[in-house]
Amino acid sequence: MYSFDKFHELVAQTIDENPFSKSPNELYEPMDYILNIGGKRIRPIIVLLGTDLFDGDIHKALKPSLAIEFLTILT
């Protein structure tokens, strides 16, 4: 079982390792800014907590959990 801090670390590391394509700039520049100011990133962590609770593969759930975070930035 992972801890909240470990999930936070995994989410931050995955964001850093998967930069956006940067095109179109009008879309990705605001997303980069919002993601780089930090924060708790609670939405992806909740997905990972649920995955861990039901013995799922945390590493397979990382990118889908980030998709939720990215979509909420755009809305």
N, C-alpha and C. Protein backbone atom coordinates (compact mmCIF):
# COMPACT_ATOMS: atom_id res chain seq x y z
N MET A 1 0.84 -1.18 0.00
CA MET A 1 0.00 0.00 0.00
C MET A 1 0.89 1.24 0.00
N TYR A 2 0.58 2.17 -0.88
CA TYR A 2 1.33 3.41 -1.00
C TYR A 2 0.78 4.46 -0.03
N SER A 3 1.57 5.47 0.23
CA SER A 3 1.13 6.59 1.05
C SER A 3 0.71 7.75 0.15
N PHE A 4 0.01 8.70 0.72
CA PHE A 4 -0.39 9.91 -0.01
C PHE A 4 0.84 10.60 -0.59
N ASP A 5 1.90 10.71 0.20
CA ASP A 5 3.13 11.37 -0.25
C ASP A 5 3.75 10.65 -1.44
N LYS A 6 3.72 9.32 -1.43
CA LYS A 6 4.27 8.54 -2.53
C LYS A 6 3.45 8.77 -3.80
N PHE A 7 2.12 8.82 -3.67
CA PHE A 7 1.29 9.11 -4.83
C PHE A 7 1.58 10.51 -5.37
N HIS A 8 1.72 11.48 -4.48
CA HIS A 8 2.02 12.85 -4.89
C HIS A 8 3.35 12.88 -5.65
N GLU A 9 4.32 12.17 -5.16
CA GLU A 9 5.63 12.10 -5.81
C GLU A 9 5.53 11.45 -7.20
N LEU A 10 4.77 10.37 -7.31
CA LEU A 10 4.59 9.70 -8.60
C LEU A 10 3.91 10.60 -9.63
N VAL A 11 2.89 11.33 -9.18
CA VAL A 11 2.17 12.24 -10.07
C VAL A 11 3.11 13.35 -10.54
N ALA A 12 3.85 13.97 -9.63
CA ALA A 12 4.77 15.05 -9.99
C ALA A 12 5.85 14.54 -10.95
N GLN A 13 6.38 13.37 -10.68
CA GLN A 13 7.43 12.80 -11.52
C GLN A 13 6.89 12.50 -12.92
N THR A 14 5.69 11.98 -13.01
CA THR A 14 5.10 11.66 -14.31
C THR A 14 4.84 12.92 -15.12
N ILE A 15 4.38 13.98 -14.47
CA ILE A 15 4.17 15.26 -15.16
C ILE A 15 5.50 15.77 -15.70
N ASP A 16 6.55 15.71 -14.90
CA ASP A 16 7.87 16.19 -15.33
C ASP A 16 8.44 15.37 -16.47
N GLU A 17 8.16 14.08 -16.49
CA GLU A 17 8.73 13.19 -17.51
C GLU A 17 7.94 13.18 -18.82
N ASN A 18 6.76 13.79 -18.83
CA ASN A 18 5.91 13.78 -20.03
C ASN A 18 5.50 15.19 -20.42
N PRO A 19 6.44 15.95 -21.00
CA PRO A 19 6.10 17.33 -21.39
C PRO A 19 5.13 17.34 -22.57
N PHE A 20 4.43 18.45 -22.72
CA PHE A 20 3.50 18.62 -23.83
C PHE A 20 4.28 18.89 -25.11
N SER A 21 3.60 18.73 -26.23
CA SER A 21 4.24 18.96 -27.53
C SER A 21 4.48 20.44 -27.81
N LYS A 22 3.84 21.30 -27.06
CA LYS A 22 4.00 22.76 -27.16
C LYS A 22 3.30 23.38 -28.36
N SER A 23 2.49 22.62 -29.06
CA SER A 23 1.80 23.19 -30.19
C SER A 23 0.35 22.72 -30.17
N PRO A 24 -0.61 23.56 -30.18
CA PRO A 24 -0.56 25.01 -30.30
C PRO A 24 -0.21 25.68 -28.96
N ASN A 25 0.59 26.68 -29.06
CA ASN A 25 1.10 27.38 -27.88
C ASN A 25 -0.02 27.95 -27.01
N GLU A 26 -1.10 28.42 -27.64
CA GLU A 26 -2.20 29.02 -26.89
C GLU A 26 -2.87 28.02 -25.94
N LEU A 27 -2.78 26.75 -26.25
CA LEU A 27 -3.37 25.72 -25.41
C LEU A 27 -2.40 25.25 -24.33
N TYR A 28 -1.18 24.97 -24.73
CA TYR A 28 -0.24 24.32 -23.82
C TYR A 28 0.48 25.26 -22.87
N GLU A 29 0.66 26.51 -23.25
CA GLU A 29 1.33 27.45 -22.35
C GLU A 29 0.56 27.63 -21.03
N PRO A 30 -0.76 27.87 -21.07
CA PRO A 30 -1.50 27.97 -19.80
C PRO A 30 -1.49 26.67 -18.99
N MET A 31 -1.55 25.52 -19.68
CA MET A 31 -1.52 24.24 -18.97
C MET A 31 -0.18 24.05 -18.27
N ASP A 32 0.91 24.37 -18.97
CA ASP A 32 2.24 24.27 -18.35
C ASP A 32 2.33 25.17 -17.12
N TYR A 33 1.82 26.38 -17.27
CA TYR A 33 1.88 27.33 -16.15
C TYR A 33 1.13 26.78 -14.93
N ILE A 34 -0.08 26.32 -15.14
CA ILE A 34 -0.89 25.82 -14.04
C ILE A 34 -0.27 24.59 -13.40
N LEU A 35 0.25 23.69 -14.22
CA LEU A 35 0.86 22.47 -13.68
C LEU A 35 2.16 22.77 -12.93
N ASN A 36 2.88 23.78 -13.35
CA ASN A 36 4.15 24.09 -12.72
C ASN A 36 4.04 24.92 -11.45
N ILE A 37 2.86 25.47 -11.15
CA ILE A 37 2.73 26.21 -9.90
C ILE A 37 2.51 25.26 -8.72
N GLY A 38 2.41 23.99 -9.03
CA GLY A 38 2.31 22.99 -7.96
C GLY A 38 0.89 22.76 -7.51
N GLY A 39 0.74 22.57 -6.23
CA GLY A 39 -0.57 22.25 -5.69
C GLY A 39 -0.63 20.81 -5.25
N LYS A 40 -1.75 20.45 -4.70
CA LYS A 40 -1.88 19.10 -4.13
C LYS A 40 -2.09 18.04 -5.20
N ARG A 41 -2.67 18.43 -6.34
CA ARG A 41 -2.99 17.48 -7.41
C ARG A 41 -3.82 16.32 -6.88
N ILE A 42 -4.87 16.69 -6.20
CA ILE A 42 -5.68 15.71 -5.48
C ILE A 42 -6.45 14.78 -6.42
N ARG A 43 -6.89 15.26 -7.59
CA ARG A 43 -7.68 14.42 -8.49
C ARG A 43 -6.91 13.18 -8.95
N PRO A 44 -5.69 13.34 -9.47
CA PRO A 44 -4.98 12.12 -9.86
C PRO A 44 -4.63 11.23 -8.68
N ILE A 45 -4.39 11.83 -7.54
CA ILE A 45 -4.07 11.04 -6.34
C ILE A 45 -5.27 10.21 -5.91
N ILE A 46 -6.47 10.76 -6.03
CA ILE A 46 -7.68 9.99 -5.69
C ILE A 46 -7.82 8.79 -6.62
N VAL A 47 -7.53 8.99 -7.91
CA VAL A 47 -7.59 7.86 -8.86
C VAL A 47 -6.59 6.79 -8.45
N LEU A 48 -5.38 7.20 -8.08
CA LEU A 48 -4.35 6.24 -7.68
C LEU A 48 -4.70 5.55 -6.38
N LEU A 49 -5.31 6.27 -5.45
CA LEU A 49 -5.76 5.65 -4.20
C LEU A 49 -6.79 4.56 -4.48
N GLY A 50 -7.74 4.85 -5.38
CA GLY A 50 -8.75 3.85 -5.74
C GLY A 50 -8.13 2.66 -6.44
N THR A 51 -7.17 2.92 -7.30
CA THR A 51 -6.47 1.83 -7.99
C THR A 51 -5.76 0.94 -6.99
N ASP A 52 -5.08 1.55 -6.05
CA ASP A 52 -4.35 0.80 -5.03
C ASP A 52 -5.31 0.03 -4.12
N LEU A 53 -6.43 0.64 -3.79
CA LEU A 53 -7.41 0.01 -2.93
C LEU A 53 -7.92 -1.31 -3.51
N PHE A 54 -8.08 -1.32 -4.84
CA PHE A 54 -8.59 -2.51 -5.51
C PHE A 54 -7.48 -3.33 -6.17
N ASP A 55 -6.26 -3.18 -5.67
CA ASP A 55 -5.10 -3.95 -6.12
C ASP A 55 -4.81 -3.82 -7.61
N GLY A 56 -5.07 -2.63 -8.16
CA GLY A 56 -4.76 -2.38 -9.56
C GLY A 56 -3.30 -2.00 -9.74
N ASP A 57 -2.90 -1.85 -10.99
CA ASP A 57 -1.53 -1.48 -11.33
C ASP A 57 -1.42 0.04 -11.32
N ILE A 58 -0.72 0.57 -10.34
CA ILE A 58 -0.56 2.01 -10.16
C ILE A 58 0.07 2.65 -11.40
N HIS A 59 1.07 2.00 -11.96
CA HIS A 59 1.79 2.59 -13.09
C HIS A 59 0.92 2.65 -14.36
N LYS A 60 0.00 1.72 -14.51
CA LYS A 60 -0.93 1.78 -15.64
C LYS A 60 -1.98 2.88 -15.43
N ALA A 61 -2.24 3.23 -14.19
CA ALA A 61 -3.26 4.24 -13.88
C ALA A 61 -2.71 5.66 -13.86
N LEU A 62 -1.40 5.83 -13.91
CA LEU A 62 -0.81 7.17 -13.80
C LEU A 62 -1.27 8.11 -14.91
N LYS A 63 -1.11 7.71 -16.15
CA LYS A 63 -1.49 8.61 -17.25
C LYS A 63 -2.99 8.88 -17.30
N PRO A 64 -3.85 7.87 -17.12
CA PRO A 64 -5.28 8.19 -17.06
C PRO A 64 -5.63 9.13 -15.89
N SER A 65 -4.93 8.99 -14.77
CA SER A 65 -5.21 9.88 -13.64
C SER A 65 -4.81 11.31 -13.97
N LEU A 66 -3.74 11.47 -14.73
CA LEU A 66 -3.32 12.81 -15.14
C LEU A 66 -4.27 13.41 -16.17
N ALA A 67 -4.87 12.56 -16.99
CA ALA A 67 -5.84 13.05 -17.97
C ALA A 67 -6.97 13.79 -17.27
N ILE A 68 -7.39 13.29 -16.14
CA ILE A 68 -8.45 13.95 -15.37
C ILE A 68 -7.98 15.34 -14.92
N GLU A 69 -6.75 15.44 -14.47
CA GLU A 69 -6.20 16.72 -14.04
C GLU A 69 -6.11 17.69 -15.22
N PHE A 70 -5.65 17.21 -16.38
CA PHE A 70 -5.52 18.08 -17.54
C PHE A 70 -6.88 18.57 -18.01
N LEU A 71 -7.88 17.70 -18.00
CA LEU A 71 -9.21 18.10 -18.45
C LEU A 71 -9.83 19.16 -17.53
N THR A 72 -9.56 19.06 -16.24
CA THR A 72 -10.12 20.05 -15.32
C THR A 72 -9.43 21.39 -15.48
N ILE A 73 -8.18 21.39 -15.94
CA ILE A 73 -7.48 22.65 -16.20
C ILE A 73 -8.14 23.36 -17.37
N LEU A 74 -8.56 22.61 -18.37
CA LEU A 74 -9.12 23.18 -19.58
C LEU A 74 -10.55 23.68 -19.42
N THR A 75 -11.22 23.28 -18.36
CA THR A 75 -12.62 23.68 -18.21
C THR A 75 -12.77 24.87 -17.30
